[in-house]
N, C-alpha and C. Protein backbone atom coordinates (compact mmCIF):
# COMPACT_ATOMS: atom_id res chain seq x y z
N MET A 1 -93.78 176.27 274.98
CA MET A 1 -93.91 175.69 274.39
C MET A 1 -92.30 175.26 273.79
N GLY A 2 -91.96 174.39 274.27
CA GLY A 2 -90.47 174.28 273.20
C GLY A 2 -90.45 173.44 271.55
N VAL A 3 -89.12 173.39 271.59
CA VAL A 3 -89.21 173.55 270.10
C VAL A 3 -89.42 172.43 269.44
N ASN A 4 -90.02 170.90 269.96
CA ASN A 4 -90.51 169.75 269.03
C ASN A 4 -91.89 170.17 269.71
N GLU A 5 -92.95 170.88 270.01
CA GLU A 5 -94.09 171.52 269.94
C GLU A 5 -94.03 171.92 269.21
N ILE A 6 -93.34 172.77 268.89
CA ILE A 6 -93.55 174.05 267.84
C ILE A 6 -93.71 173.37 266.21
N GLY A 7 -92.55 172.33 265.88
CA GLY A 7 -92.02 171.66 264.62
C GLY A 7 -93.90 170.55 264.40
N GLU A 8 -94.01 170.13 265.91
CA GLU A 8 -95.04 169.27 265.79
C GLU A 8 -96.63 170.16 264.36
N ALA A 9 -96.93 171.24 264.96
CA ALA A 9 -97.44 172.03 264.45
C ALA A 9 -96.93 173.15 263.85
N PHE A 10 -96.28 172.99 263.30
CA PHE A 10 -95.07 174.15 262.54
C PHE A 10 -94.15 173.65 261.31
N ASP A 11 -93.31 174.18 260.89
CA ASP A 11 -92.49 173.44 259.25
C ASP A 11 -91.56 174.81 259.48
N GLU A 12 -92.18 175.28 259.97
CA GLU A 12 -91.16 177.12 260.37
C GLU A 12 -90.52 177.49 261.12
N ILE A 13 -89.35 177.90 261.51
CA ILE A 13 -89.64 179.09 262.96
C ILE A 13 -87.85 179.65 262.91
N THR A 14 -88.43 180.53 262.81
CA THR A 14 -87.62 181.77 262.91
C THR A 14 -87.22 181.91 264.37
N LEU A 15 -85.98 181.31 265.48
CA LEU A 15 -85.61 181.77 266.82
C LEU A 15 -85.83 183.35 266.90
N PRO A 16 -85.73 182.61 268.08
CA PRO A 16 -86.17 184.63 268.30
C PRO A 16 -84.12 185.10 268.85
N SER A 17 -84.35 186.54 269.12
CA SER A 17 -82.90 187.06 269.73
C SER A 17 -83.04 187.22 270.59
N VAL A 18 -84.22 187.09 271.70
CA VAL A 18 -84.98 187.37 272.77
C VAL A 18 -85.55 186.36 273.02
N ALA A 19 -85.42 185.79 274.37
CA ALA A 19 -86.42 185.17 275.35
C ALA A 19 -86.45 185.59 276.59
N GLU A 20 -88.02 185.42 276.51
CA GLU A 20 -88.23 185.87 278.78
C GLU A 20 -86.69 187.36 278.89
N HIS A 21 -86.54 188.43 278.54
CA HIS A 21 -85.22 189.03 278.05
C HIS A 21 -83.78 188.43 278.53
N THR A 22 -84.00 187.63 277.97
CA THR A 22 -82.69 186.95 277.44
C THR A 22 -82.62 187.05 276.55
N VAL A 23 -81.56 186.96 276.16
CA VAL A 23 -80.51 186.81 274.79
C VAL A 23 -79.97 185.64 274.56
N VAL A 24 -80.47 185.02 272.69
CA VAL A 24 -80.63 183.97 272.17
C VAL A 24 -79.38 184.29 271.53
N SER A 25 -78.72 183.33 272.17
CA SER A 25 -76.76 182.86 272.52
C SER A 25 -76.53 181.61 270.99
N GLY A 26 -77.06 180.75 271.46
CA GLY A 26 -76.96 179.26 270.70
C GLY A 26 -77.80 178.55 271.21
N ILE A 27 -77.85 177.24 270.54
CA ILE A 27 -78.25 175.92 269.22
C ILE A 27 -77.46 174.88 270.54
N ALA A 28 -78.36 174.60 270.86
CA ALA A 28 -77.61 172.97 271.88
C ALA A 28 -77.55 171.80 271.16
N SER A 29 -76.45 170.68 271.28
CA SER A 29 -76.54 169.90 270.70
C SER A 29 -78.38 169.13 270.01
N GLN A 30 -78.90 168.21 269.71
CA GLN A 30 -79.73 167.91 269.43
C GLN A 30 -81.14 168.73 269.63
N ALA A 31 -80.98 169.86 269.28
CA ALA A 31 -81.60 170.95 269.77
C ALA A 31 -82.96 170.59 269.19
N PHE A 32 -83.51 169.95 268.24
CA PHE A 32 -84.68 170.17 266.76
C PHE A 32 -84.67 168.68 266.82
N ALA A 33 -84.03 167.51 267.31
CA ALA A 33 -84.39 166.09 267.30
C ALA A 33 -85.69 165.41 267.64
N ASN A 34 -86.63 165.10 266.32
CA ASN A 34 -87.44 164.34 266.54
C ASN A 34 -88.70 165.56 266.06
N SER A 35 -87.83 166.56 265.71
CA SER A 35 -89.21 167.71 264.93
C SER A 35 -89.55 167.65 263.71
N ASN A 36 -90.78 168.77 263.56
CA ASN A 36 -90.98 168.21 262.24
C ASN A 36 -90.56 169.43 261.33
N LEU A 37 -89.71 170.31 262.14
CA LEU A 37 -89.47 171.49 260.89
C LEU A 37 -88.70 171.57 259.87
N LYS A 38 -89.07 171.87 258.88
CA LYS A 38 -88.27 171.94 257.49
C LYS A 38 -87.41 173.11 257.76
N THR A 39 -87.23 174.08 258.02
CA THR A 39 -86.67 175.82 258.12
C THR A 39 -86.25 175.94 259.30
N VAL A 40 -85.45 176.81 259.74
CA VAL A 40 -84.96 177.16 260.52
C VAL A 40 -84.70 178.32 260.68
N VAL A 41 -84.45 179.35 260.57
CA VAL A 41 -83.97 181.18 260.41
C VAL A 41 -83.09 181.44 262.24
N VAL A 42 -82.03 181.63 261.49
CA VAL A 42 -81.03 181.41 262.75
C VAL A 42 -81.23 183.06 262.82
N PRO A 43 -81.40 184.27 264.11
CA PRO A 43 -80.84 185.05 264.08
C PRO A 43 -79.38 185.60 264.88
N PRO A 44 -79.10 186.85 263.82
CA PRO A 44 -77.61 187.51 264.21
C PRO A 44 -76.75 187.30 265.70
N THR A 45 -77.43 186.79 266.56
CA THR A 45 -77.22 187.12 268.04
C THR A 45 -76.65 186.00 268.09
N ILE A 46 -76.70 184.84 267.91
CA ILE A 46 -76.95 183.09 267.90
C ILE A 46 -75.18 183.61 267.71
N ARG A 47 -74.32 182.87 268.86
CA ARG A 47 -72.98 183.07 269.23
C ARG A 47 -72.63 181.02 268.55
N TYR A 48 -72.95 180.64 268.86
CA TYR A 48 -72.71 179.33 268.80
C TYR A 48 -73.82 178.27 268.27
N ILE A 49 -73.53 177.17 267.60
CA ILE A 49 -74.29 176.02 267.19
C ILE A 49 -73.56 174.78 267.16
N LYS A 50 -73.94 173.48 268.62
CA LYS A 50 -73.15 172.58 269.00
C LYS A 50 -74.16 171.78 268.25
N ASP A 51 -72.47 170.93 267.95
CA ASP A 51 -72.78 169.87 266.90
C ASP A 51 -74.12 168.84 267.41
N GLY A 52 -74.22 168.37 266.14
CA GLY A 52 -75.71 167.96 266.01
C GLY A 52 -76.99 168.29 266.14
N ALA A 53 -76.61 169.68 266.31
CA ALA A 53 -77.80 170.28 266.17
C ALA A 53 -78.85 170.33 265.51
N PHE A 54 -78.94 170.26 264.64
CA PHE A 54 -80.33 169.28 263.57
C PHE A 54 -80.20 168.41 262.69
N LYS A 55 -79.71 167.37 264.15
CA LYS A 55 -79.17 165.68 264.32
C LYS A 55 -80.70 165.79 263.85
N ASP A 56 -80.84 164.47 263.63
CA ASP A 56 -82.46 163.43 263.72
C ASP A 56 -83.53 164.52 263.43
N SER A 57 -83.76 165.14 262.60
CA SER A 57 -84.48 166.45 262.43
C SER A 57 -85.23 165.92 261.01
N ARG A 58 -86.16 166.38 260.29
CA ARG A 58 -86.28 166.90 259.01
C ARG A 58 -86.06 168.41 258.47
N ILE A 59 -85.01 169.24 259.14
CA ILE A 59 -84.51 170.23 258.48
C ILE A 59 -84.24 169.97 257.53
N ASN A 60 -84.71 170.96 256.35
CA ASN A 60 -83.11 170.62 255.49
C ASN A 60 -82.70 172.44 254.68
N ARG A 61 -83.69 173.32 255.44
CA ARG A 61 -83.21 174.59 255.10
C ARG A 61 -82.40 175.02 256.92
N VAL A 62 -81.59 176.04 256.43
CA VAL A 62 -81.09 176.48 257.78
C VAL A 62 -81.26 177.72 257.09
N TYR A 63 -81.81 179.03 257.42
CA TYR A 63 -81.36 180.50 257.43
C TYR A 63 -80.29 181.37 258.56
N MET A 64 -78.71 181.91 258.15
CA MET A 64 -78.43 182.45 258.62
C MET A 64 -78.73 183.63 258.76
N GLU A 65 -78.42 184.66 259.75
CA GLU A 65 -79.23 185.53 259.04
C GLU A 65 -77.57 186.45 259.41
N SER A 66 -77.21 186.44 260.03
CA SER A 66 -75.36 186.94 261.00
C SER A 66 -74.69 187.33 259.93
N THR A 67 -73.98 188.08 259.22
CA THR A 67 -73.41 188.51 257.86
C THR A 67 -71.69 188.26 258.70
N HIS A 68 -71.00 187.76 259.75
CA HIS A 68 -69.60 187.81 260.48
C HIS A 68 -69.87 186.15 261.38
N PRO A 69 -69.58 185.78 259.52
CA PRO A 69 -69.11 184.16 259.83
C PRO A 69 -68.29 183.90 261.80
N SER A 70 -67.48 185.07 261.60
CA SER A 70 -66.62 184.34 262.41
C SER A 70 -66.75 184.22 263.67
N SER A 71 -68.54 185.10 264.04
CA SER A 71 -68.28 185.66 265.63
C SER A 71 -69.46 184.23 265.73
N ILE A 72 -69.54 183.26 265.55
CA ILE A 72 -70.75 182.03 265.56
C ILE A 72 -69.60 180.84 265.09
N ASN A 73 -69.90 180.32 266.74
CA ASN A 73 -68.57 178.64 267.27
C ASN A 73 -68.82 177.49 266.69
N ILE A 74 -68.86 177.39 266.11
CA ILE A 74 -68.95 175.39 265.46
C ILE A 74 -67.31 174.48 265.34
N SER A 75 -68.22 173.47 264.73
CA SER A 75 -66.60 173.27 264.64
C SER A 75 -66.70 172.85 263.52
N TRP A 76 -65.43 172.11 263.35
CA TRP A 76 -65.32 172.77 261.62
C TRP A 76 -65.01 170.67 260.82
N ASN A 77 -65.40 169.96 261.82
CA ASN A 77 -65.27 168.63 262.29
C ASN A 77 -66.12 168.16 260.79
N GLY A 78 -67.23 168.63 260.67
CA GLY A 78 -68.53 168.00 260.17
C GLY A 78 -69.79 167.96 261.54
N GLY A 79 -69.59 168.25 262.59
CA GLY A 79 -70.71 168.06 263.73
C GLY A 79 -71.32 169.20 263.48
N LEU A 80 -71.74 170.15 262.53
CA LEU A 80 -72.65 170.67 261.89
C LEU A 80 -73.94 170.41 261.34
N VAL A 81 -73.18 169.70 260.23
CA VAL A 81 -73.64 168.72 259.19
C VAL A 81 -74.05 166.96 260.24
N GLU A 82 -73.72 166.13 261.20
CA GLU A 82 -74.10 165.62 261.13
C GLU A 82 -75.48 165.08 261.26
N GLY A 83 -75.95 163.61 260.49
CA GLY A 83 -76.86 162.33 261.54
C GLY A 83 -78.22 163.94 260.69
N THR A 84 -78.01 164.49 259.44
CA THR A 84 -79.33 165.61 259.10
C THR A 84 -79.25 164.38 257.65
N VAL A 85 -81.02 165.79 257.22
CA VAL A 85 -81.37 165.10 255.76
C VAL A 85 -80.13 164.92 254.67
N SER A 86 -80.26 164.50 253.72
CA SER A 86 -79.33 164.17 252.27
C SER A 86 -79.52 165.63 251.52
N ASP A 87 -80.33 166.50 251.46
CA ASP A 87 -80.00 167.58 250.96
C ASP A 87 -80.86 168.89 252.06
N PHE A 88 -79.05 168.52 253.10
CA PHE A 88 -79.61 169.65 254.13
C PHE A 88 -78.71 170.48 253.44
N LEU A 89 -79.19 171.64 253.66
CA LEU A 89 -78.21 173.31 252.90
C LEU A 89 -78.34 174.16 254.29
N ILE A 90 -77.48 175.53 253.74
CA ILE A 90 -77.50 176.40 254.43
C ILE A 90 -77.16 177.28 254.13
N TYR A 91 -78.16 178.87 254.29
CA TYR A 91 -78.70 179.74 253.43
C TYR A 91 -78.08 181.03 253.62
N VAL A 92 -77.13 181.48 253.46
CA VAL A 92 -76.89 182.94 253.42
C VAL A 92 -76.65 184.12 253.12
N PRO A 93 -76.73 185.24 253.57
CA PRO A 93 -76.69 186.33 252.85
C PRO A 93 -76.01 186.53 251.95
N GLU A 94 -76.68 186.98 250.52
CA GLU A 94 -75.60 187.52 250.12
C GLU A 94 -73.95 187.92 250.01
N LYS A 95 -74.45 188.81 250.59
CA LYS A 95 -73.08 189.71 250.64
C LYS A 95 -72.47 188.74 252.00
N ALA A 96 -71.92 188.09 252.34
CA ALA A 96 -71.40 187.60 253.12
C ALA A 96 -71.57 185.49 253.07
N PHE A 97 -71.02 185.79 251.92
CA PHE A 97 -70.94 184.09 250.89
C PHE A 97 -69.91 184.03 250.99
N SER A 98 -69.30 185.01 250.14
CA SER A 98 -67.74 184.48 250.42
C SER A 98 -66.49 184.24 251.94
N ALA A 99 -67.45 185.52 253.13
CA ALA A 99 -67.27 185.44 254.37
C ALA A 99 -66.97 184.05 255.26
N TYR A 100 -68.42 183.40 254.53
CA TYR A 100 -68.11 182.36 255.35
C TYR A 100 -67.83 180.81 254.55
N ASN A 101 -67.15 181.21 252.86
CA ASN A 101 -66.64 179.99 252.73
C ASN A 101 -65.37 180.85 252.88
N ALA A 102 -65.09 181.82 252.65
CA ALA A 102 -63.11 181.97 253.59
C ALA A 102 -63.22 181.50 255.10
N ASP A 103 -63.80 181.02 256.19
CA ASP A 103 -63.87 181.08 257.34
C ASP A 103 -63.78 179.78 257.72
N TYR A 104 -62.58 179.79 258.97
CA TYR A 104 -61.27 178.25 259.00
C TYR A 104 -62.48 177.43 260.27
N TYR A 105 -63.71 177.34 260.20
CA TYR A 105 -64.88 177.39 260.85
C TYR A 105 -66.09 176.92 259.72
N TRP A 106 -66.20 177.64 259.57
CA TRP A 106 -67.32 177.38 257.92
C TRP A 106 -67.24 176.91 256.36
N GLY A 107 -65.65 177.32 256.63
CA GLY A 107 -65.24 177.41 254.59
C GLY A 107 -65.70 175.51 254.89
N PRO A 108 -65.07 174.46 255.46
CA PRO A 108 -65.34 172.67 255.77
C PRO A 108 -66.47 172.74 254.55
N TYR A 109 -67.94 173.30 255.27
CA TYR A 109 -69.14 173.76 254.88
C TYR A 109 -69.81 174.22 253.78
N GLY A 110 -68.49 174.47 252.77
CA GLY A 110 -69.00 174.96 251.79
C GLY A 110 -69.88 174.12 250.29
N GLN A 111 -69.98 173.01 250.77
CA GLN A 111 -70.84 172.07 249.81
C GLN A 111 -72.00 172.49 250.31
N TYR A 112 -72.67 173.03 251.33
CA TYR A 112 -73.50 172.88 252.23
C TYR A 112 -74.03 174.94 251.99
N LEU A 113 -73.33 175.33 251.99
CA LEU A 113 -73.49 177.16 251.59
C LEU A 113 -74.88 176.96 250.40
N ARG A 114 -75.45 178.13 250.31
CA ARG A 114 -75.95 178.67 249.45
C ARG A 114 -76.06 179.86 249.96
N LYS A 115 -76.77 180.98 248.99
CA LYS A 115 -77.11 182.78 248.85
C LYS A 115 -78.59 182.81 249.12
N TYR A 116 -78.67 184.21 249.70
CA TYR A 116 -80.26 184.04 250.32
C TYR A 116 -80.13 185.15 249.39
């Protein structure tokens, strides 16, 4: 079952850390396009999120489980939030909130960051 099929049945998904004996390490561009998902929980195994990963979806809450933002490769030019809904937010662990805000790549997304 793909993400779009899951998105039709559920409004939240926790991405697995391992799938079919392989570590899940990234999120592709438009990975959630046209899904009805509202919430995505991203495990600490994720090492990259491509521009437009949440584009053309209804996702408005992304929960990052990693406390090490520098270990997650993203672009700093706004590509992460490109094509997202107007109330899109990224929740990060409270103890890592300042690290996300201070990070070279995550810092520009400060207006979208919230603590959990």
